[in-house]
Amino acid sequence: MRLDKFLKNSRVIKRRTVAKEAAESGRIKVNGKTAKPGLEISLNDIVEVTFGNNIVKFEVLQIIENPKKDEADKMFRIIQ
């Protein structure tokens, strides 16, 4: 699954276009490297998203194409 789609489906970022813009501006890292929006996410990847001064770091646990609202938080585990 693409990075921008994963961020939207997991509800880390509300809209896919916002996730795409964040990745294009270098605010998202996957496994320590700056990521592009089309990067394919796989299980156990470590994703780091910068929201202003806050950094959210999480591990990918599941990849679900069309998750329900209660399934979205099971897609990742926050680290830190």
PDB file of N, CA and C in Angstrom:
ATOM      1  N   MET A   1       0.844  -1.173   0.000  1.00  0.00           N
ATOM      2  CA  MET A   1       0.000   0.000   0.000  1.00  0.00           C
ATOM      3  C   MET A   1       0.895   1.244   0.000  1.00  0.00           C
ATOM      4  N   ARG A   2       0.469   2.242  -0.726  1.00  0.00           N
ATOM      5  CA  ARG A   2       1.214   3.498  -0.783  1.00  0.00           C
ATOM      6  C   ARG A   2       1.233   4.183   0.580  1.00  0.00           C
ATOM      7  N   LEU A   3       2.294   4.931   0.852  1.00  0.00           N
ATOM      8  CA  LEU A   3       2.445   5.639   2.124  1.00  0.00           C
ATOM      9  C   LEU A   3       1.287   6.604   2.370  1.00  0.00           C
ATOM     10  N   ASP A   4       0.955   7.436   1.384  1.00  0.00           N
ATOM     11  CA  ASP A   4      -0.113   8.419   1.596  1.00  0.00           C
ATOM     12  C   ASP A   4      -1.462   7.746   1.844  1.00  0.00           C
ATOM     13  N   LYS A   5      -1.727   6.648   1.179  1.00  0.00           N
ATOM     14  CA  LYS A   5      -2.980   5.921   1.394  1.00  0.00           C
ATOM     15  C   LYS A   5      -3.001   5.259   2.774  1.00  0.00           C
ATOM     16  N   PHE A   6      -1.852   4.723   3.212  1.00  0.00           N
ATOM     17  CA  PHE A   6      -1.783   4.118   4.542  1.00  0.00           C
ATOM     18  C   PHE A   6      -2.049   5.154   5.626  1.00  0.00           C
ATOM     19  N   LEU A   7      -1.457   6.332   5.502  1.00  0.00           N
ATOM     20  CA  LEU A   7      -1.649   7.382   6.507  1.00  0.00           C
ATOM     21  C   LEU A   7      -3.111   7.811   6.575  1.00  0.00           C
ATOM     22  N   LYS A   8      -3.788   7.854   5.440  1.00  0.00           N
ATOM     23  CA  LYS A   8      -5.210   8.196   5.415  1.00  0.00           C
ATOM     24  C   LYS A   8      -6.047   7.066   6.008  1.00  0.00           C
ATOM     25  N   ASN A   9      -5.821   5.820   5.565  1.00  0.00           N
ATOM     26  CA  ASN A   9      -6.619   4.686   6.039  1.00  0.00           C
ATOM     27  C   ASN A   9      -6.446   4.434   7.534  1.00  0.00           C
ATOM     28  N   SER A  10      -5.241   4.666   8.033  1.00  0.00           N
ATOM     29  CA  SER A  10      -4.997   4.445   9.465  1.00  0.00           C
ATOM     30  C   SER A  10      -5.439   5.647  10.301  1.00  0.00           C
ATOM     31  N   ARG A  11      -5.857   6.706   9.635  1.00  0.00           N
ATOM     32  CA  ARG A  11      -6.342   7.934  10.260  1.00  0.00           C
ATOM     33  C   ARG A  11      -5.261   8.678  11.057  1.00  0.00           C
ATOM     34  N   VAL A  12      -4.004   8.503  10.652  1.00  0.00           N
ATOM     35  CA  VAL A  12      -2.922   9.304  11.223  1.00  0.00           C
ATOM     36  C   VAL A  12      -3.047  10.720  10.670  1.00  0.00           C
ATOM     37  N   ILE A  13      -3.344  10.819   9.368  1.00  0.00           N
ATOM     38  CA  ILE A  13      -3.606  12.091   8.701  1.00  0.00           C
ATOM     39  C   ILE A  13      -4.984  11.959   8.053  1.00  0.00           C
ATOM     40  N   LYS A  14      -5.815  12.985   8.168  1.00  0.00           N
ATOM     41  CA  LYS A  14      -7.221  12.864   7.756  1.00  0.00           C
ATOM     42  C   LYS A  14      -7.446  12.736   6.258  1.00  0.00           C
ATOM     43  N   ARG A  15      -6.664  13.457   5.446  1.00  0.00           N
ATOM     44  CA  ARG A  15      -6.887  13.425   4.004  1.00  0.00           C
ATOM     45  C   ARG A  15      -5.635  12.968   3.272  1.00  0.00           C
ATOM     46  N   ARG A  16      -5.840  12.244   2.178  1.00  0.00           N
ATOM     47  CA  ARG A  16      -4.722  11.710   1.409  1.00  0.00           C
ATOM     48  C   ARG A  16      -3.895  12.830   0.777  1.00  0.00           C
ATOM     49  N   THR A  17      -4.535  13.905   0.342  1.00  0.00           N
ATOM     50  CA  THR A  17      -3.786  15.011  -0.259  1.00  0.00           C
ATOM     51  C   THR A  17      -2.866  15.669   0.765  1.00  0.00           C
ATOM     52  N   VAL A  18      -3.322  15.761   2.017  1.00  0.00           N
ATOM     53  CA  VAL A  18      -2.484  16.331   3.084  1.00  0.00           C
ATOM     54  C   VAL A  18      -1.302  15.408   3.357  1.00  0.00           C
ATOM     55  N   ALA A  19      -1.540  14.091   3.350  1.00  0.00           N
ATOM     56  CA  ALA A  19      -0.467  13.120   3.547  1.00  0.00           C
ATOM     57  C   ALA A  19       0.547  13.212   2.410  1.00  0.00           C
ATOM     58  N   LYS A  20       0.057  13.392   1.187  1.00  0.00           N
ATOM     59  CA  LYS A  20       0.938  13.514   0.020  1.00  0.00           C
ATOM     60  C   LYS A  20       1.799  14.770   0.125  1.00  0.00           C
ATOM     61  N   GLU A  21       1.195  15.885   0.507  1.00  0.00           N
ATOM     62  CA  GLU A  21       1.941  17.136   0.647  1.00  0.00           C
ATOM     63  C   GLU A  21       2.984  17.038   1.758  1.00  0.00           C
ATOM     64  N   ALA A  22       2.646  16.372   2.856  1.00  0.00           N
ATOM     65  CA  ALA A  22       3.598  16.200   3.963  1.00  0.00           C
ATOM     66  C   ALA A  22       4.799  15.377   3.518  1.00  0.00           C
ATOM     67  N   ALA A  23       4.547  14.328   2.747  1.00  0.00           N
ATOM     68  CA  ALA A  23       5.645  13.489   2.261  1.00  0.00           C
ATOM     69  C   ALA A  23       6.509  14.254   1.259  1.00  0.00           C
ATOM     70  N   GLU A  24       5.887  15.007   0.376  1.00  0.00           N
ATOM     71  CA  GLU A  24       6.640  15.771  -0.623  1.00  0.00           C
ATOM     72  C   GLU A  24       7.489  16.865   0.006  1.00  0.00           C
ATOM     73  N   SER A  25       7.073  17.378   1.153  1.00  0.00           N
ATOM     74  CA  SER A  25       7.844  18.431   1.813  1.00  0.00           C
ATOM     75  C   SER A  25       8.891  17.866   2.772  1.00  0.00           C
ATOM     76  N   GLY A  26       9.026  16.540   2.829  1.00  0.00           N
ATOM     77  CA  GLY A  26      10.085  15.919   3.628  1.00  0.00           C
ATOM     78  C   GLY A  26       9.763  15.762   5.103  1.00  0.00           C
ATOM     79  N   ARG A  27       8.487  15.812   5.478  1.00  0.00           N
ATOM     80  CA  ARG A  27       8.111  15.700   6.889  1.00  0.00           C
ATOM     81  C   ARG A  27       7.807  14.276   7.326  1.00  0.00           C
ATOM     82  N   ILE A  28       7.970  13.305   6.408  1.00  0.00           N
ATOM     83  CA  ILE A  28       7.690  11.906   6.742  1.00  0.00           C
ATOM     84  C   ILE A  28       8.930  11.066   6.430  1.00  0.00           C
ATOM     85  N   LYS A  29       9.315  10.243   7.409  1.00  0.00           N
ATOM     86  CA  LYS A  29      10.439   9.327   7.224  1.00  0.00           C
ATOM     87  C   LYS A  29       9.956   7.906   7.449  1.00  0.00           C
ATOM     88  N   VAL A  30      10.468   6.989   6.646  1.00  0.00           N
ATOM     89  CA  VAL A  30      10.179   5.570   6.810  1.00  0.00           C
ATOM     90  C   VAL A  30      11.506   4.861   6.992  1.00  0.00           C
ATOM     91  N   ASN A  31      11.657   4.178   8.108  1.00  0.00           N
ATOM     92  CA  ASN A  31      12.902   3.480   8.451  1.00  0.00           C
ATOM     93  C   ASN A  31      14.112   4.416   8.398  1.00  0.00           C
ATOM     94  N   GLY A  32      13.915   5.658   8.845  1.00  0.00           N
ATOM     95  CA  GLY A  32      15.005   6.618   8.937  1.00  0.00           C
ATOM     96  C   GLY A  32      15.321   7.377   7.670  1.00  0.00           C
ATOM     97  N   LYS A  33      14.624   7.109   6.571  1.00  0.00           N
ATOM     98  CA  LYS A  33      14.885   7.793   5.297  1.00  0.00           C
ATOM     99  C   LYS A  33      13.666   8.610   4.897  1.00  0.00           C
ATOM    100  N   THR A  34      13.907   9.793   4.332  1.00  0.00           N
ATOM    101  CA  THR A  34      12.810  10.631   3.857  1.00  0.00           C
ATOM    102  C   THR A  34      12.035   9.869   2.793  1.00  0.00           C
ATOM    103  N   ALA A  35      10.713   9.876   2.915  1.00  0.00           N
ATOM    104  CA  ALA A  35       9.873   9.055   2.045  1.00  0.00           C
ATOM    105  C   ALA A  35       9.045   9.894   1.085  1.00  0.00           C
ATOM    106  N   LYS A  36       8.783   9.318  -0.092  1.00  0.00           N
ATOM    107  CA  LYS A  36       7.887   9.923  -1.067  1.00  0.00           C
ATOM    108  C   LYS A  36       6.492   9.335  -0.870  1.00  0.00           C
ATOM    109  N   PRO A  37       5.454  10.027  -1.347  1.00  0.00           N
ATOM    110  CA  PRO A  37       4.090   9.553  -1.112  1.00  0.00           C
ATOM    111  C   PRO A  37       3.790   8.186  -1.723  1.00  0.00           C
ATOM    112  N   GLY A  38       4.470   7.810  -2.781  1.00  0.00           N
ATOM    113  CA  GLY A  38       4.203   6.542  -3.459  1.00  0.00           C
ATOM    114  C   GLY A  38       4.986   5.364  -2.919  1.00  0.00           C
ATOM    115  N   LEU A  39       5.753   5.570  -1.859  1.00  0.00           N
ATOM    116  CA  LEU A  39       6.544   4.485  -1.287  1.00  0.00           C
ATOM    117  C   LEU A  39       5.633   3.372  -0.791  1.00  0.00           C
ATOM    118  N   GLU A  40       5.964   2.135  -1.114  1.00  0.00           N
ATOM    119  CA  GLU A  40       5.162   0.992  -0.666  1.00  0.00           C
ATOM    120  C   GLU A  40       5.505   0.668   0.783  1.00  0.00           C
ATOM    121  N   ILE A  41       4.501   0.722   1.631  1.00  0.00           N
ATOM    122  CA  ILE A  41       4.654   0.418   3.055  1.00  0.00           C
ATOM    123  C   ILE A  41       4.529  -1.090   3.247  1.00  0.00           C
ATOM    124  N   SER A  42       5.359  -1.640   4.122  1.00  0.00           N
ATOM    125  CA  SER A  42       5.238  -3.059   4.449  1.00  0.00           C
ATOM    126  C   SER A  42       5.168  -3.218   5.966  1.00  0.00           C
ATOM    127  N   LEU A  43       4.851  -4.414   6.416  1.00  0.00           N
ATOM    128  CA  LEU A  43       4.734  -4.681   7.848  1.00  0.00           C
ATOM    129  C   LEU A  43       6.048  -4.409   8.555  1.00  0.00           C
ATOM    130  N   ASN A  44       5.979  -3.953   9.786  1.00  0.00           N
ATOM    131  CA  ASN A  44       7.115  -3.665  10.661  1.00  0.00           C
ATOM    132  C   ASN A  44       7.939  -2.456  10.231  1.00  0.00           C
ATOM    133  N   ASP A  45       7.484  -1.674   9.257  1.00  0.00           N
ATOM    134  CA  ASP A  45       8.171  -0.430   8.924  1.00  0.00           C
ATOM    135  C   ASP A  45       7.976   0.558  10.068  1.00  0.00           C
ATOM    136  N   ILE A  46       8.989   1.391  10.307  1.00  0.00           N
ATOM    137  CA  ILE A  46       8.911   2.444  11.314  1.00  0.00           C
ATOM    138  C   ILE A  46       8.698   3.767  10.572  1.00  0.00           C
ATOM    139  N   VAL A  47       7.579   4.416  10.860  1.00  0.00           N
ATOM    140  CA  VAL A  47       7.209   5.661  10.180  1.00  0.00           C
ATOM    141  C   VAL A  47       7.278   6.794  11.192  1.00  0.00           C
ATOM    142  N   GLU A  48       7.863   7.915  10.767  1.00  0.00           N
ATOM    143  CA  GLU A  48       8.023   9.087  11.620  1.00  0.00           C
ATOM    144  C   GLU A  48       7.390  10.278  10.902  1.00  0.00           C
ATOM    145  N   VAL A  49       6.369  10.876  11.501  1.00  0.00           N
ATOM    146  CA  VAL A  49       5.663  12.008  10.895  1.00  0.00           C
ATOM    147  C   VAL A  49       5.869  13.235  11.771  1.00  0.00           C
ATOM    148  N   THR A  50       6.267  14.348  11.155  1.00  0.00           N
ATOM    149  CA  THR A  50       6.480  15.593  11.884  1.00  0.00           C
ATOM    150  C   THR A  50       5.266  16.498  11.708  1.00  0.00           C
ATOM    151  N   PHE A  51       4.624  16.837  12.833  1.00  0.00           N
ATOM    152  CA  PHE A  51       3.503  17.780  12.862  1.00  0.00           C
ATOM    153  C   PHE A  51       3.985  19.016  13.606  1.00  0.00           C
ATOM    154  N   GLY A  52       4.463  20.016  12.901  1.00  0.00           N
ATOM    155  CA  GLY A  52       4.987  21.217  13.560  1.00  0.00           C
ATOM    156  C   GLY A  52       6.185  20.863  14.419  1.00  0.00           C
ATOM    157  N   ASN A  53       6.065  21.034  15.743  1.00  0.00           N
ATOM    158  CA  ASN A  53       7.151  20.691  16.663  1.00  0.00           C
ATOM    159  C   ASN A  53       7.039  19.271  17.197  1.00  0.00           C
ATOM    160  N   ASN A  54       5.914  18.614  16.941  1.00  0.00           N
ATOM    161  CA  ASN A  54       5.695  17.262  17.443  1.00  0.00           C
ATOM    162  C   ASN A  54       6.103  16.215  16.414  1.00  0.00           C
ATOM    163  N   ILE A  55       6.680  15.131  16.893  1.00  0.00           N
ATOM    164  CA  ILE A  55       7.040  14.011  16.030  1.00  0.00           C
ATOM    165  C   ILE A  55       6.294  12.780  16.524  1.00  0.00           C
ATOM    166  N   VAL A  56       5.555  12.149  15.621  1.00  0.00           N
ATOM    167  CA  VAL A  56       4.833  10.924  15.937  1.00  0.00           C
ATOM    168  C   VAL A  56       5.564   9.781  15.246  1.00  0.00           C
ATOM    169  N   LYS A  57       5.976   8.798  16.044  1.00  0.00           N
ATOM    170  CA  LYS A  57       6.717   7.663  15.512  1.00  0.00           C
ATOM    171  C   LYS A  57       5.910   6.405  15.791  1.00  0.00           C
ATOM    172  N   PHE A  58       5.690   5.588  14.748  1.00  0.00           N
ATOM    173  CA  PHE A  58       4.890   4.380  14.932  1.00  0.00           C
ATOM    174  C   PHE A  58       5.381   3.247  14.049  1.00  0.00           C
ATOM    175  N   GLU A  59       4.981   2.031  14.424  1.00  0.00           N
ATOM    176  CA  GLU A  59       5.326   0.823  13.688  1.00  0.00           C
ATOM    177  C   GLU A  59       4.075   0.314  12.975  1.00  0.00           C
ATOM    178  N   VAL A  60       4.236  -0.115  11.729  1.00  0.00           N
ATOM    179  CA  VAL A  60       3.123  -0.650  10.955  1.00  0.00           C
ATOM    180  C   VAL A  60       2.872  -2.090  11.389  1.00  0.00           C
ATOM    181  N   LEU A  61       1.656  -2.381  11.864  1.00  0.00           N
ATOM    182  CA  LEU A  61       1.295  -3.723  12.323  1.00  0.00           C
ATOM    183  C   LEU A  61       0.444  -4.474  11.317  1.00  0.00           C
ATOM    184  N   GLN A  62      -0.454  -3.778  10.636  1.00  0.00           N
ATOM    185  CA  GLN A  62      -1.346  -4.389   9.660  1.00  0.00           C
ATOM    186  C   GLN A  62      -1.535  -3.443   8.493  1.00  0.00           C
ATOM    187  N   ILE A  63      -1.839  -4.027   7.335  1.00  0.00           N
ATOM    188  CA  ILE A  63      -2.194  -3.222   6.176  1.00  0.00           C
ATOM    189  C   ILE A  63      -3.589  -3.672   5.751  1.00  0.00           C
ATOM    190  N   ILE A  64      -4.566  -2.787   5.941  1.00  0.00           N
ATOM    191  CA  ILE A  64      -5.960  -3.084   5.620  1.00  0.00           C
ATOM    192  C   ILE A  64      -6.408  -2.093   4.545  1.00  0.00           C
ATOM    193  N   GLU A  65      -6.911  -2.616   3.412  1.00  0.00           N
ATOM    194  CA  GLU A  65      -7.295  -1.748   2.295  1.00  0.00           C
ATOM    195  C   GLU A  65      -8.430  -0.786   2.652  1.00  0.00           C
ATOM    196  N   ASN A  66      -9.505  -1.280   3.231  1.00  0.00           N
ATOM    197  CA  ASN A  66     -10.662  -0.443   3.568  1.00  0.00           C
ATOM    198  C   ASN A  66     -11.066  -0.692   5.014  1.00  0.00           C
ATOM    199  N   PRO A  67     -10.314  -0.124   5.962  1.00  0.00           N
ATOM    200  CA  PRO A  67     -10.612  -0.411   7.373  1.00  0.00           C
ATOM    201  C   PRO A  67     -11.843   0.342   7.871  1.00  0.00           C
ATOM    202  N   LYS A  68     -12.534  -0.271   8.802  1.00  0.00           N
ATOM    203  CA  LYS A  68     -13.609   0.415   9.496  1.00  0.00           C
ATOM    204  C   LYS A  68     -12.970   1.321  10.551  1.00  0.00           C
ATOM    205  N   LYS A  69     -13.744   2.210  11.103  1.00  0.00           N
ATOM    206  CA  LYS A  69     -13.213   3.181  12.060  1.00  0.00           C
ATOM    207  C   LYS A  69     -12.521   2.504  13.247  1.00  0.00           C
ATOM    208  N   ASP A  70     -13.104   1.426  13.769  1.00  0.00           N
ATOM    209  CA  ASP A  70     -12.515   0.754  14.922  1.00  0.00           C
ATOM    210  C   ASP A  70     -11.316  -0.118  14.562  1.00  0.00           C
ATOM    211  N   GLU A  71     -11.117  -0.415  13.275  1.00  0.00           N
ATOM    212  CA  GLU A  71      -9.958  -1.205  12.835  1.00  0.00           C
ATOM    213  C   GLU A  71      -8.736  -0.331  12.567  1.00  0.00           C
ATOM    214  N   ALA A  72      -8.950   0.963  12.347  1.00  0.00           N
ATOM    215  CA  ALA A  72      -7.868   1.856  11.931  1.00  0.00           C
ATOM    216  C   ALA A  72      -6.744   1.932  12.963  1.00  0.00           C
ATOM    217  N   ASP A  73      -7.088   1.964  14.243  1.00  0.00           N
ATOM    218  CA  ASP A  73      -6.046   2.080  15.264  1.00  0.00           C
ATOM    219  C   ASP A  73      -5.269   0.782  15.464  1.00  0.00           C
ATOM    220  N   LYS A  74      -5.728  -0.314  14.897  1.00  0.00           N
ATOM    221  CA  LYS A  74      -5.010  -1.585  14.977  1.00  0.00           C
ATOM    222  C   LYS A  74      -3.962  -1.726  13.882  1.00  0.00           C
ATOM    223  N   MET A  75      -3.925  -0.754  12.971  1.00  0.00           N
ATOM    224  CA  MET A  75      -2.974  -0.811  11.859  1.00  0.00           C
ATOM    225  C   MET A  75      -1.568  -0.388  12.276  1.00  0.00           C
ATOM    226  N   PHE A  76      -1.437   0.304  13.403  1.00  0.00           N
ATOM    227  CA  PHE A  76      -0.124   0.788  13.823  1.00  0.00           C
ATOM    228  C   PHE A  76      -0.029   0.802  15.348  1.00  0.00           C
ATOM    229  N   ARG A  77       1.234   0.885  15.833  1.00  0.00           N
ATOM    230  CA  ARG A  77       1.498   0.981  17.266  1.00  0.00           C
ATOM    231  C   ARG A  77       2.446   2.146  17.472  1.00  0.00           C
ATOM    232  N   ILE A  78       2.061   3.094  18.305  1.00  0.00           N
ATOM    233  CA  ILE A  78       2.888   4.281  18.548  1.00  0.00           C
ATOM    234  C   ILE A  78       4.103   3.911  19.390  1.00  0.00           C
ATOM    235  N   ILE A  79       5.249   4.420  18.986  1.00  0.00           N
ATOM    236  CA  ILE A  79       6.517   4.223  19.708  1.00  0.00           C
ATOM    237  C   ILE A  79       6.861   5.558  20.346  1.00  0.00           C
ATOM    238  N   GLN A  80       7.448   5.549  21.527  1.00  0.00           N
ATOM    239  CA  GLN A  80       7.861   6.728  22.304  1.00  0.00           C
ATOM    240  C   GLN A  80       6.852   7.109  23.309  1.00  0.00           C
TER     241      GLN A  80
END
